[in-house]
Protein backbone atom coordinates (compact mmCIF):
# COMPACT_ATOMS: atom_id res chain seq x y z
CA MET A 1 -124.03 -51.46 -11.39
CA SER A 2 -120.62 -50.11 -10.48
CA THR A 3 -117.20 -51.55 -11.67
CA THR A 4 -114.12 -51.46 -9.43
CA HIS A 5 -110.97 -50.72 -11.44
CA ALA A 6 -107.75 -52.01 -9.84
CA GLU A 7 -104.90 -49.69 -10.37
CA ALA A 8 -101.58 -51.29 -11.04
CA GLY A 9 -98.31 -49.42 -10.07
CA PHE A 10 -95.20 -49.28 -7.71
CA SER A 11 -95.43 -48.49 -4.03
CA LEU A 12 -93.13 -45.95 -2.48
CA ILE A 13 -91.14 -48.74 -0.81
CA GLU A 14 -90.45 -50.50 -4.12
CA ILE A 15 -89.40 -47.33 -5.68
CA LEU A 16 -86.96 -46.73 -2.75
CA VAL A 17 -85.58 -50.23 -2.97
CA ALA A 18 -85.00 -50.03 -6.71
CA THR A 19 -83.36 -46.66 -6.36
CA ALA A 20 -81.02 -48.08 -3.50
CA VAL A 21 -80.05 -51.03 -5.74
CA PHE A 22 -79.22 -48.65 -8.67
CA ALA A 23 -77.18 -46.60 -6.40
CA VAL A 24 -75.10 -49.59 -5.05
CA VAL A 25 -74.58 -50.84 -8.63
CA GLY A 26 -73.42 -47.34 -9.79
CA VAL A 27 -71.00 -47.21 -6.66
CA ILE A 28 -69.55 -50.69 -7.36
CA SER A 29 -69.14 -49.86 -11.12
CA VAL A 30 -67.32 -46.42 -10.22
CA THR A 31 -65.04 -48.31 -7.68
CA LEU A 32 -64.12 -51.05 -10.24
CA LEU A 33 -63.31 -48.41 -12.89
CA SER A 34 -61.34 -46.29 -10.54
CA ALA A 35 -59.35 -49.50 -9.33
CA THR A 36 -58.81 -50.27 -12.95
CA ILE A 37 -57.43 -46.92 -13.80
CA THR A 38 -55.27 -46.86 -10.81
CA ALA A 39 -53.90 -50.27 -11.63
CA GLN A 40 -53.09 -49.15 -15.13
CA ASP A 41 -51.47 -46.05 -13.91
CA VAL A 42 -49.14 -48.19 -11.44
CA ASN A 43 -48.32 -50.52 -14.40
CA ASP A 44 -47.52 -47.65 -16.59
CA GLN A 45 -45.24 -46.06 -13.93
CA ALA A 46 -43.50 -49.29 -13.46
CA LEU A 47 -43.02 -49.72 -17.13
CA ALA A 48 -41.67 -46.19 -17.56
CA ARG A 49 -39.05 -47.04 -14.69
CA ILE A 50 -38.01 -50.28 -16.34
CA ASN A 51 -37.69 -48.49 -19.75
CA ALA A 52 -35.59 -45.78 -18.16
CA LEU A 53 -33.31 -48.17 -16.56
CA ASP A 54 -32.89 -50.17 -19.69
CA ARG A 55 -32.20 -47.04 -21.67
CA ALA A 56 -29.43 -46.14 -19.35
CA ARG A 57 -27.92 -49.59 -19.63
CA VAL A 58 -27.99 -49.37 -23.56
CA LEU A 59 -26.41 -45.89 -23.59
CA LEU A 60 -23.55 -46.83 -21.25
CA ARG A 61 -22.92 -50.02 -23.28
CA GLU A 62 -23.03 -48.31 -26.59
CA ASP A 63 -20.81 -45.29 -25.61
CA ILE A 64 -18.06 -47.21 -23.62
CA GLY A 65 -18.31 -50.24 -25.97
CA GLN A 66 -17.62 -48.18 -28.95
CA ALA A 67 -15.10 -45.87 -27.51
CA VAL A 68 -11.87 -45.19 -29.43
CA GLN A 69 -8.50 -43.73 -28.75
CA ARG A 70 -8.76 -40.62 -30.79
CA ALA A 71 -7.53 -37.00 -29.93
CA SER A 72 -10.22 -34.34 -30.01
CA ARG A 73 -10.36 -30.67 -29.59
CA ALA A 74 -12.15 -28.53 -27.05
CA GLN A 75 -14.27 -25.47 -27.89
CA ASP A 76 -11.23 -23.17 -27.51
CA GLY A 77 -9.32 -25.17 -30.17
CA THR A 78 -6.94 -26.82 -27.91
CA THR A 79 -6.46 -30.55 -27.79
CA ARG A 80 -8.26 -32.16 -24.93
CA PRO A 81 -5.80 -33.44 -22.37
CA ALA A 82 -6.96 -37.18 -22.62
CA LEU A 83 -8.24 -39.55 -25.32
CA PHE A 84 -10.28 -41.30 -22.62
CA ALA A 85 -10.87 -40.06 -19.02
CA GLY A 86 -12.95 -40.71 -16.01
CA ASP A 87 -13.01 -39.59 -12.43
CA VAL A 88 -16.09 -39.68 -10.24
CA ASN A 89 -14.74 -36.63 -8.32
CA GLY A 90 -14.66 -34.68 -11.67
CA LEU A 91 -11.99 -34.25 -14.27
CA ASP A 92 -9.40 -31.45 -13.91
CA ASP A 93 -10.18 -28.03 -15.20
CA ARG A 94 -8.77 -28.60 -18.56
CA PHE A 95 -11.66 -30.83 -19.33
CA VAL A 96 -14.36 -28.37 -18.17
CA GLU A 97 -15.94 -26.49 -21.01
CA ASP A 98 -19.34 -25.25 -19.51
CA GLY A 99 -18.59 -25.34 -15.86
CA ASP A 100 -20.25 -28.82 -15.44
CA ASP A 101 -18.66 -31.52 -13.30
CA ILE A 102 -17.54 -34.05 -16.05
CA ILE A 103 -16.94 -37.64 -14.71
CA LEU A 104 -16.45 -39.36 -18.00
CA SER A 105 -15.11 -38.12 -21.41
CA MET A 106 -14.53 -40.08 -24.55
CA THR A 107 -14.73 -40.10 -28.38
CA ARG A 108 -16.83 -43.09 -29.81
CA ARG A 109 -17.62 -44.31 -33.10
CA GLY A 110 -20.97 -45.76 -34.27
CA ARG A 111 -23.08 -42.84 -35.15
CA SER A 112 -25.19 -43.75 -37.96
CA ASN A 113 -25.34 -41.95 -41.33
CA PRO A 114 -27.37 -43.93 -43.91
CA GLY A 115 -26.23 -43.52 -47.24
CA LEU A 116 -23.82 -40.93 -46.31
CA ILE A 117 -26.46 -38.35 -46.53
CA ARG A 118 -24.68 -35.77 -44.38
CA ALA A 119 -21.07 -34.76 -44.66
CA ARG A 120 -20.17 -35.85 -41.16
CA SER A 121 -18.00 -38.33 -39.26
CA SER A 122 -19.21 -41.41 -37.61
CA LEU A 123 -17.35 -40.28 -34.56
CA VAL A 124 -18.91 -38.14 -31.67
CA HIS A 125 -17.58 -36.87 -28.48
CA VAL A 126 -19.53 -38.03 -25.32
CA GLN A 127 -19.30 -36.61 -21.85
CA TYR A 128 -21.04 -37.85 -18.75
CA ILE A 129 -21.74 -35.14 -16.15
CA LEU A 130 -23.20 -34.74 -12.57
CA ARG A 131 -25.70 -31.88 -12.20
CA ASP A 132 -28.13 -31.54 -9.42
CA ASP A 133 -28.23 -35.27 -8.45
CA GLN A 134 -28.56 -36.18 -12.11
CA LEU A 135 -26.31 -38.22 -14.34
CA ILE A 136 -26.50 -36.53 -17.67
CA ARG A 137 -25.11 -37.77 -21.05
CA ARG A 138 -23.98 -34.82 -23.32
CA VAL A 139 -23.00 -35.56 -26.86
CA SER A 140 -21.54 -33.12 -29.49
CA ASP A 141 -22.56 -33.34 -33.14
CA HIS A 142 -18.82 -33.47 -34.01
CA PRO A 143 -15.86 -34.97 -32.09
CA ASP A 144 -13.80 -31.65 -32.49
CA ALA A 145 -15.77 -28.88 -30.81
CA SER A 146 -16.05 -25.27 -31.72
CA PRO A 147 -17.76 -22.32 -30.20
CA LEU A 148 -20.72 -23.15 -32.53
CA THR A 149 -20.76 -26.84 -31.56
CA ARG A 150 -24.19 -28.06 -30.59
CA TRP A 151 -24.56 -30.39 -27.49
CA ALA A 152 -27.48 -32.68 -27.14
CA GLU A 153 -28.19 -33.57 -23.48
CA GLN A 154 -30.14 -36.51 -21.98
CA VAL A 155 -30.90 -37.43 -18.31
CA VAL A 156 -29.50 -40.94 -17.82
CA ILE A 157 -30.24 -41.29 -14.15
CA ASP A 158 -32.49 -38.97 -12.16
CA GLY A 159 -31.67 -38.86 -8.31
CA ALA A 160 -28.19 -40.51 -8.58
CA ASP A 161 -26.23 -40.49 -5.34
CA ASP A 162 -23.06 -42.21 -4.13
CA LEU A 163 -21.51 -42.66 -7.50
CA GLU A 164 -18.37 -44.76 -7.79
CA LEU A 165 -16.35 -45.32 -11.16
CA GLY A 166 -14.00 -48.18 -11.82
CA PHE A 167 -11.69 -48.88 -14.68
CA LEU A 168 -10.18 -52.30 -15.21
CA VAL A 169 -6.66 -51.88 -16.45
CA GLY A 170 -4.78 -55.21 -16.77
CA ALA A 171 -6.08 -57.13 -13.81
CA ASN A 172 -6.51 -54.18 -11.46
CA TRP A 173 -9.32 -51.81 -10.83
CA GLN A 174 -8.57 -48.22 -10.43
CA SER A 175 -10.84 -45.31 -9.40
CA ARG A 176 -9.68 -42.75 -12.13
CA LEU A 177 -7.99 -42.92 -15.55
CA ALA A 178 -6.73 -40.61 -18.28
CA THR A 179 -5.03 -41.97 -21.39
CA ARG A 180 -2.92 -39.10 -22.98
CA PRO A 181 -2.19 -38.20 -26.60
CA GLY A 182 1.19 -39.71 -27.51
CA GLN A 183 1.45 -41.71 -24.35
CA GLU A 184 3.47 -44.88 -25.04
CA GLY A 185 1.38 -48.08 -24.45
CA ALA A 186 -1.86 -46.11 -23.75
CA SER A 187 -4.94 -48.18 -24.33
CA LEU A 188 -8.56 -48.35 -23.24
CA PRO A 189 -9.50 -49.94 -20.06
CA ARG A 190 -10.84 -53.43 -20.34
CA ALA A 191 -14.02 -52.55 -18.65
CA VAL A 192 -15.82 -49.65 -16.91
CA ARG A 193 -17.82 -50.21 -13.87
CA LEU A 194 -20.38 -47.53 -12.47
CA ARG A 195 -22.06 -48.03 -9.15
CA LEU A 196 -24.63 -45.69 -7.77
CA THR A 197 -27.66 -45.43 -5.41
CA SER A 198 -30.82 -44.39 -7.26
CA GLN A 199 -33.92 -42.80 -5.67
CA GLN A 200 -35.99 -45.12 -7.99
CA TRP A 201 -34.09 -48.31 -8.01
CA GLY A 202 -31.77 -48.38 -4.99
CA ASP A 203 -28.35 -49.77 -5.41
CA LEU A 204 -27.25 -50.23 -9.13
CA GLU A 205 -24.21 -51.48 -10.82
CA PHE A 206 -23.30 -51.23 -14.63
CA LEU A 207 -20.40 -53.18 -15.99
CA VAL A 208 -19.44 -52.50 -19.54
CA LEU A 209 -16.71 -54.05 -21.66
CA THR A 210 -14.61 -51.93 -24.12
CA ALA A 211 -13.13 -52.86 -27.33
CA GLU A 212 -9.85 -53.52 -25.37
CA ALA A 213 -11.49 -56.61 -23.67
CA ARG A 214 -12.39 -58.06 -27.06
CA LEU A 215 -8.85 -57.96 -28.64
């Protein structure tokens, strides 16, 4: 007497269908993962642009808002020709110390020195310069420079074009300003306005009040 044994298993068609299903699921998973990563990259880039713009706004507000009428010395030991000066076309040669196109020059207070740990003033000298379509903030570690003075640079706006500076003196805006040491009645402008076109953000305008506006 013979016995027939039924052999259970998958047919070739079933195996091919299962393989195709797994392949489709794999493609969908990879696509979703790629889309998620791309979206995260876009969000990160947008957040970085927002942070950069906010940083520029804060720097301008803190520098201009805490500017003071204080004479300072250049690297060669001479007194700088103005206490506060600005000109989008570049300040005159007496301001230039490293060949850069300086558009704004001031001394400001407010540098922190917790517990007076370091023997230094709370004042620093700040310059805004244009270099290769970049608006750069440059600050010295002392308001009175020397050949050994260290300068720290930071890019404020990358890809800056069509810059315009305005200074509110009384009730009028003017495109350039220089308050001279010993000048009778010299004072800070009430506000400083910076307009520019950025490759990242388009047209921008920063309007910052000085201490003069709060008197």
